[in-house]
C-alpha atoms as a PDB file:
ATOM      1  CA  MET A   1      13.268 -32.964 -18.201  1.00  0.00           C
ATOM      2  CA  ARG A   2      11.383 -29.775 -18.701  1.00  0.00           C
ATOM      3  CA  ILE A   3       9.269 -26.986 -17.075  1.00  0.00           C
ATOM      4  CA  ILE A   4       6.021 -27.401 -17.486  1.00  0.00           C
ATOM      5  CA  ALA A   5       4.367 -24.051 -16.889  1.00  0.00           C
ATOM      6  CA  GLY A   6       4.794 -20.686 -15.684  1.00  0.00           C
ATOM      7  CA  SER A   7       8.063 -18.456 -16.489  1.00  0.00           C
ATOM      8  CA  ALA A   8      10.257 -20.658 -17.844  1.00  0.00           C
ATOM      9  CA  ARG A   9       7.682 -23.166 -19.591  1.00  0.00           C
ATOM     10  CA  GLY A  10       9.250 -25.623 -21.882  1.00  0.00           C
ATOM     11  CA  ARG A  11      12.498 -25.084 -20.876  1.00  0.00           C
ATOM     12  CA  ARG A  12      15.255 -28.131 -20.303  1.00  0.00           C
ATOM     13  CA  LEU A  13      16.577 -28.860 -17.443  1.00  0.00           C
ATOM     14  CA  PHE A  14      19.952 -30.505 -16.423  1.00  0.00           C
ATOM     15  CA  SER A  15      19.735 -33.639 -14.946  1.00  0.00           C
ATOM     16  CA  VAL A  16      22.131 -36.362 -13.175  1.00  0.00           C
ATOM     17  CA  PRO A  17      23.659 -39.337 -14.738  1.00  0.00           C
ATOM     18  CA  LYS A  18      21.189 -42.429 -15.250  1.00  0.00           C
ATOM     19  CA  ALA A  19      23.442 -44.587 -13.535  1.00  0.00           C
ATOM     20  CA  MET A  20      22.685 -42.349 -10.226  1.00  0.00           C
ATOM     21  CA  MET A  21      19.732 -43.913  -8.097  1.00  0.00           C
ATOM     22  CA  VAL A  22      18.150 -40.985  -8.441  1.00  0.00           C
ATOM     23  CA  ARG A  23      14.060 -41.292  -9.418  1.00  0.00           C
ATOM     24  CA  PRO A  24      12.551 -38.006 -11.165  1.00  0.00           C
ATOM     25  CA  ILE A  25       9.264 -37.228 -10.979  1.00  0.00           C
ATOM     26  CA  SER A  26       7.086 -38.258 -13.848  1.00  0.00           C
ATOM     27  CA  GLY A  27       6.022 -35.561 -15.902  1.00  0.00           C
ATOM     28  CA  ARG A  28       2.314 -36.594 -15.087  1.00  0.00           C
ATOM     29  CA  ILE A  29       2.809 -36.693 -11.260  1.00  0.00           C
ATOM     30  CA  LYS A  30       4.186 -32.986 -11.866  1.00  0.00           C
ATOM     31  CA  GLN A  31       1.472 -31.862 -13.872  1.00  0.00           C
ATOM     32  CA  SER A  32      -1.267 -33.253 -11.515  1.00  0.00           C
ATOM     33  CA  LEU A  33       0.894 -32.111  -8.183  1.00  0.00           C
ATOM     34  CA  PHE A  34       1.069 -28.201  -9.358  1.00  0.00           C
ATOM     35  CA  ASP A  35      -2.839 -28.616 -10.700  1.00  0.00           C
ATOM     36  CA  ILE A  36      -3.683 -29.070  -7.088  1.00  0.00           C
ATOM     37  CA  LEU A  37      -0.828 -26.705  -5.765  1.00  0.00           C
ATOM     38  CA  ARG A  38      -1.900 -23.713  -7.801  1.00  0.00           C
ATOM     39  CA  PRO A  39      -3.471 -21.687  -5.379  1.00  0.00           C
ATOM     40  CA  TYR A  40      -0.975 -22.131  -2.976  1.00  0.00           C
ATOM     41  CA  VAL A  41       2.188 -21.617  -5.058  1.00  0.00           C
ATOM     42  CA  THR A  42       2.330 -18.299  -5.889  1.00  0.00           C
ATOM     43  CA  GLY A  43       4.422 -15.890  -3.698  1.00  0.00           C
ATOM     44  CA  SER A  44       5.239 -19.135  -1.518  1.00  0.00           C
ATOM     45  CA  TYR A  45       8.252 -20.266   0.678  1.00  0.00           C
ATOM     46  CA  PHE A  46       8.626 -23.198  -0.641  1.00  0.00           C
ATOM     47  CA  LEU A  47      10.817 -26.295   0.814  1.00  0.00           C
ATOM     48  CA  ASP A  48      11.682 -29.074  -1.485  1.00  0.00           C
ATOM     49  CA  LEU A  49      12.977 -32.175   0.481  1.00  0.00           C
ATOM     50  CA  PHE A  50      14.933 -35.310  -0.859  1.00  0.00           C
ATOM     51  CA  ALA A  51      14.633 -32.597  -3.771  1.00  0.00           C
ATOM     52  CA  GLY A  52      17.208 -35.326  -6.210  1.00  0.00           C
ATOM     53  CA  THR A  53      17.209 -33.156  -9.107  1.00  0.00           C
ATOM     54  CA  GLY A  54      15.515 -30.209  -7.749  1.00  0.00           C
ATOM     55  CA  ALA A  55      12.682 -30.388 -10.617  1.00  0.00           C
ATOM     56  CA  VAL A  56       9.557 -29.949  -7.729  1.00  0.00           C
ATOM     57  CA  GLY A  57      11.533 -27.189  -6.685  1.00  0.00           C
ATOM     58  CA  LEU A  58      12.115 -25.782  -9.854  1.00  0.00           C
ATOM     59  CA  GLU A  59       8.843 -25.589 -11.331  1.00  0.00           C
ATOM     60  CA  ALA A  60       7.492 -23.673  -8.029  1.00  0.00           C
ATOM     61  CA  LEU A  61       9.912 -21.471  -9.024  1.00  0.00           C
ATOM     62  CA  SER A  62       8.716 -21.058 -12.534  1.00  0.00           C
ATOM     63  CA  ARG A  63       5.042 -21.026 -11.381  1.00  0.00           C
ATOM     64  CA  GLY A  64       5.844 -18.065  -9.193  1.00  0.00           C
ATOM     65  CA  ALA A  65       7.230 -19.159  -5.955  1.00  0.00           C
ATOM     66  CA  GLN A  66       8.882 -16.117  -3.852  1.00  0.00           C
ATOM     67  CA  LYS A  67      11.395 -18.276  -2.524  1.00  0.00           C
ATOM     68  CA  VAL A  68      12.510 -22.222  -2.710  1.00  0.00           C
ATOM     69  CA  CYS A  69      14.877 -24.068  -0.799  1.00  0.00           C
ATOM     70  CA  PHE A  70      16.046 -27.419  -1.865  1.00  0.00           C
ATOM     71  CA  VAL A  71      17.571 -29.859   0.834  1.00  0.00           C
ATOM     72  CA  GLU A  72      19.386 -32.728  -0.741  1.00  0.00           C
ATOM     73  CA  ARG A  73      22.402 -35.364   0.855  1.00  0.00           C
ATOM     74  CA  ASP A  74      24.076 -36.304  -2.668  1.00  0.00           C
ATOM     75  CA  PRO A  75      26.808 -33.706  -3.717  1.00  0.00           C
ATOM     76  CA  ARG A  76      25.987 -34.422  -7.191  1.00  0.00           C
ATOM     77  CA  CYS A  77      22.599 -33.784  -6.769  1.00  0.00           C
ATOM     78  CA  VAL A  78      23.646 -30.588  -5.025  1.00  0.00           C
ATOM     79  CA  ALA A  79      25.803 -29.490  -8.122  1.00  0.00           C
ATOM     80  CA  VAL A  80      22.930 -30.148 -10.657  1.00  0.00           C
ATOM     81  CA  ILE A  81      20.395 -28.121  -8.507  1.00  0.00           C
ATOM     82  CA  GLU A  82      23.163 -25.187  -8.391  1.00  0.00           C
ATOM     83  CA  LYS A  83      23.495 -25.819 -12.032  1.00  0.00           C
ATOM     84  CA  ASN A  84      20.186 -25.035 -12.929  1.00  0.00           C
ATOM     85  CA  LEU A  85      19.587 -22.291 -10.580  1.00  0.00           C
ATOM     86  CA  VAL A  86      22.005 -20.199 -12.295  1.00  0.00           C
ATOM     87  CA  HIS A  87      20.833 -21.484 -15.600  1.00  0.00           C
ATOM     88  CA  PHE A  88      17.560 -20.509 -15.171  1.00  0.00           C
ATOM     89  CA  GLY A  89      18.903 -16.960 -13.065  1.00  0.00           C
ATOM     90  CA  TRP A  90      17.179 -18.137 -10.064  1.00  0.00           C
ATOM     91  CA  ALA A  91      19.985 -18.502  -8.054  1.00  0.00           C
ATOM     92  CA  GLU A  92      19.717 -15.416  -5.599  1.00  0.00           C
ATOM     93  CA  GLN A  93      15.956 -16.407  -4.389  1.00  0.00           C
ATOM     94  CA  CYS A  94      17.449 -19.825  -3.235  1.00  0.00           C
ATOM     95  CA  ARG A  95      19.016 -21.580  -0.752  1.00  0.00           C
ATOM     96  CA  VAL A  96      20.341 -25.529  -1.443  1.00  0.00           C
ATOM     97  CA  LEU A  97      21.105 -27.175   1.634  1.00  0.00           C
ATOM     98  CA  ARG A  98      23.132 -30.080   1.595  1.00  0.00           C
ATOM     99  CA  GLY A  99      22.395 -32.559   4.283  1.00  0.00           C
ATOM    100  CA  ASP A 100      20.496 -35.393   6.021  1.00  0.00           C
ATOM    101  CA  VAL A 101      16.273 -35.064   6.689  1.00  0.00           C
ATOM    102  CA  LEU A 102      15.849 -38.391   8.125  1.00  0.00           C
ATOM    103  CA  GLY A 103      17.042 -36.874  11.735  1.00  0.00           C
ATOM    104  CA  ALA A 104      15.531 -33.057  13.301  1.00  0.00           C
ATOM    105  CA  LEU A 105      15.123 -30.732  10.630  1.00  0.00           C
ATOM    106  CA  SER A 106      15.435 -27.417  12.325  1.00  0.00           C
ATOM    107  CA  TRP A 107      18.690 -27.061  10.760  1.00  0.00           C
ATOM    108  CA  ILE A 108      16.790 -25.929   7.862  1.00  0.00           C
ATOM    109  CA  GLY A 109      15.420 -23.232   9.330  1.00  0.00           C
ATOM    110  CA  HIS A 110      18.615 -21.545  10.741  1.00  0.00           C
ATOM    111  CA  ARG A 111      20.762 -22.423   7.747  1.00  0.00           C
ATOM    112  CA  SER A 112      18.331 -21.202   4.857  1.00  0.00           C
ATOM    113  CA  GLY A 113      17.421 -17.917   7.008  1.00  0.00           C
ATOM    114  CA  ILE A 114      13.564 -18.566   5.909  1.00  0.00           C
ATOM    115  CA  THR A 115      11.798 -19.416   9.551  1.00  0.00           C
ATOM    116  CA  ALA A 116       8.017 -20.367   7.989  1.00  0.00           C
ATOM    117  CA  PHE A 117       7.693 -22.564   4.805  1.00  0.00           C
ATOM    118  CA  ASP A 118       4.075 -22.197   2.917  1.00  0.00           C
ATOM    119  CA  VAL A 119       4.564 -25.489   0.836  1.00  0.00           C
ATOM    120  CA  ALA A 120       6.394 -28.335   1.666  1.00  0.00           C
ATOM    121  CA  PHE A 121       7.603 -31.258  -0.719  1.00  0.00           C
ATOM    122  CA  LEU A 122       8.898 -34.391   0.388  1.00  0.00           C
ATOM    123  CA  GLY A 123      10.079 -37.092  -2.186  1.00  0.00           C
ATOM    124  CA  PRO A 124      11.863 -39.739  -0.348  1.00  0.00           C
ATOM    125  CA  PRO A 125      13.539 -42.835  -2.182  1.00  0.00           C
ATOM    126  CA  TYR A 126      11.655 -45.629  -2.653  1.00  0.00           C
ATOM    127  CA  ARG A 127      14.297 -48.209  -2.718  1.00  0.00           C
ATOM    128  CA  ASP A 128      18.047 -48.327  -1.669  1.00  0.00           C
ATOM    129  CA  GLU A 129      21.018 -49.257  -4.165  1.00  0.00           C
ATOM    130  CA  GLU A 130      20.183 -52.865  -3.221  1.00  0.00           C
ATOM    131  CA  ASN A 131      16.329 -52.442  -4.454  1.00  0.00           C
ATOM    132  CA  ARG A 132      14.941 -53.171  -0.721  1.00  0.00           C
ATOM    133  CA  PRO A 133      12.491 -51.484  -0.140  1.00  0.00           C
ATOM    134  CA  LEU A 134      12.709 -47.788   2.016  1.00  0.00           C
ATOM    135  CA  THR A 135       9.953 -46.463   4.409  1.00  0.00           C
ATOM    136  CA  TYR A 136      11.171 -43.083   5.212  1.00  0.00           C
ATOM    137  CA  ALA A 137       7.710 -40.826   4.396  1.00  0.00           C
ATOM    138  CA  HIS A 138       6.135 -41.076   7.648  1.00  0.00           C
ATOM    139  CA  ARG A 139       9.278 -40.626   9.735  1.00  0.00           C
ATOM    140  CA  THR A 140      10.237 -37.633   7.626  1.00  0.00           C
ATOM    141  CA  LEU A 141       6.723 -36.522   8.279  1.00  0.00           C
ATOM    142  CA  LEU A 142       6.775 -36.434  11.695  1.00  0.00           C
ATOM    143  CA  ASN A 143      10.067 -34.589  11.661  1.00  0.00           C
ATOM    144  CA  LEU A 144       8.835 -31.800   9.409  1.00  0.00           C
ATOM    145  CA  ALA A 145       5.785 -31.542  11.570  1.00  0.00           C
ATOM    146  CA  GLY A 146       8.042 -31.174  15.062  1.00  0.00           C
ATOM    147  CA  ALA A 147      10.290 -28.697  13.263  1.00  0.00           C
ATOM    148  CA  GLY A 148       7.867 -25.486  13.796  1.00  0.00           C
ATOM    149  CA  MET A 149       9.007 -24.196  10.371  1.00  0.00           C
ATOM    150  CA  LEU A 150       5.636 -24.334   8.488  1.00  0.00           C
ATOM    151  CA  SER A 151       3.176 -21.064   8.196  1.00  0.00           C
ATOM    152  CA  ALA A 152      -0.083 -21.330   9.719  1.00  0.00           C
ATOM    153  CA  ALA A 153      -2.006 -22.001   6.170  1.00  0.00           C
ATOM    154  CA  ALA A 154       1.036 -24.198   5.077  1.00  0.00           C
ATOM    155  CA  VAL A 155       0.437 -27.480   2.594  1.00  0.00           C
ATOM    156  CA  VAL A 156       2.500 -30.624   2.755  1.00  0.00           C
ATOM    157  CA  VAL A 157       2.840 -32.881  -0.062  1.00  0.00           C
ATOM    158  CA  VAL A 158       4.722 -36.448   0.457  1.00  0.00           C
ATOM    159  CA  GLN A 159       4.952 -38.745  -2.356  1.00  0.00           C
ATOM    160  CA  HIS A 160       5.131 -42.161  -1.669  1.00  0.00           C
ATOM    161  CA  HIS A 161       5.162 -45.810  -2.941  1.00  0.00           C
ATOM    162  CA  GLN A 162       1.603 -47.529  -2.943  1.00  0.00           C
ATOM    163  CA  LYS A 163       3.004 -49.888  -0.150  1.00  0.00           C
ATOM    164  CA  GLU A 164       4.154 -47.205   2.293  1.00  0.00           C
ATOM    165  CA  GLU A 165       1.211 -45.191   4.056  1.00  0.00           C
ATOM    166  CA  PRO A 166       2.687 -41.376   5.350  1.00  0.00           C
ATOM    167  CA  GLY A 167       0.380 -41.717   8.247  1.00  0.00           C
ATOM    168  CA  SER A 168      -0.581 -38.734  10.234  1.00  0.00           C
ATOM    169  CA  ALA A 169       1.486 -36.039  12.434  1.00  0.00           C
ATOM    170  CA  PRO A 170       0.480 -33.733  15.055  1.00  0.00           C
ATOM    171  CA  GLY A 171      -0.355 -30.445  13.870  1.00  0.00           C
ATOM    172  CA  LEU A 172      -1.662 -31.929  10.332  1.00  0.00           C
ATOM    173  CA  GLU A 173      -4.661 -32.836   8.630  1.00  0.00           C
ATOM    174  CA  ARG A 174      -4.768 -34.949   5.280  1.00  0.00           C
ATOM    175  CA  PHE A 175      -7.361 -33.832   2.876  1.00  0.00           C
ATOM    176  CA  ARG A 176      -6.374 -35.488  -0.353  1.00  0.00           C
ATOM    177  CA  GLN A 177      -4.474 -38.551  -1.658  1.00  0.00           C
ATOM    178  CA  GLU A 178      -3.904 -39.149  -5.287  1.00  0.00           C
ATOM    179  CA  ARG A 179      -2.896 -42.282  -7.415  1.00  0.00           C
ATOM    180  CA  TYR A 180      -0.661 -42.523 -10.276  1.00  0.00           C
ATOM    181  CA  GLY A 181       0.628 -46.259 -10.957  1.00  0.00           C
ATOM    182  CA  ASP A 182       2.783 -47.757  -8.107  1.00  0.00           C
ATOM    183  CA  SER A 183       2.850 -44.286  -6.326  1.00  0.00           C
ATOM    184  CA  ARG A 184       0.936 -42.181  -4.059  1.00  0.00           C
ATOM    185  CA  VAL A 185       0.733 -38.129  -3.257  1.00  0.00           C
ATOM    186  CA  THR A 186      -0.708 -37.379  -0.101  1.00  0.00           C
ATOM    187  CA  PHE A 187      -1.511 -33.692   0.952  1.00  0.00           C
ATOM    188  CA  TYR A 188      -1.682 -31.872   4.037  1.00  0.00           C
ATOM    189  CA  LYS A 189      -2.914 -28.739   5.663  1.00  0.00           C
ATOM    190  CA  LYS A 190      -1.975 -27.413   9.060  1.00  0.00           C
ATOM    191  CA  SER A 191      -4.890 -28.164  11.717  1.00  0.00           C
ATOM    192  CA  PRO A 192      -6.850 -25.104  12.743  1.00  0.00           C
ATOM    193  CA  ALA A 193      -5.808 -24.026  16.331  1.00  0.00           C
ATOM    194  CA  PRO A 194      -8.248 -24.656  18.807  1.00  0.00           C
ATOM    195  CA  GLY A 195     -10.437 -21.818  19.888  1.00  0.00           C
ATOM    196  CA  PRO A 196     -11.031 -20.367  23.222  1.00  0.00           C
ATOM    197  CA  ARG A 197     -12.587 -22.345  25.632  1.00  0.00           C
ATOM    198  CA  PRO A 198     -16.283 -20.776  26.198  1.00  0.00           C
END
């Protein structure tokens, strides 16, 4: 895997062994994702949930994100993310948190020191180690929406299997969905606050 664009364009990333059940984002999806996110990434506080190898958050850093918080459960993936951050010289502007994101997420704000994220990317696994389908997208989207850690103009992106619908969540509006083979990428933005009654 390589960084596609930005200050580290073309540089190779350290990755995890192929035997691990980690589904890295494809170059095609990553390119399209960041073409769409271009107006939002520069200067942003970026959240990478189910970070895996950290490829999405690392791409955001290369493209000008101010801070990135990576959240991943597997300690082997956490070690690879930390190795990449040191390799690229980005460790000071990042937080790498090991933890489960299938429950309440308010702990992320406390442990990262970031109270409001401008962009959040959710890349849950499609299948478990026994190749059974997983359905984490909607659950995690609801947890994120309820955690109170999105900025007023935040954008949330969910990559999911075509057979799984991430659905809706309070305070978020879906505004776009892209299709890539058996994957879908669905985009949400914060709903406008209700105005005063006349």
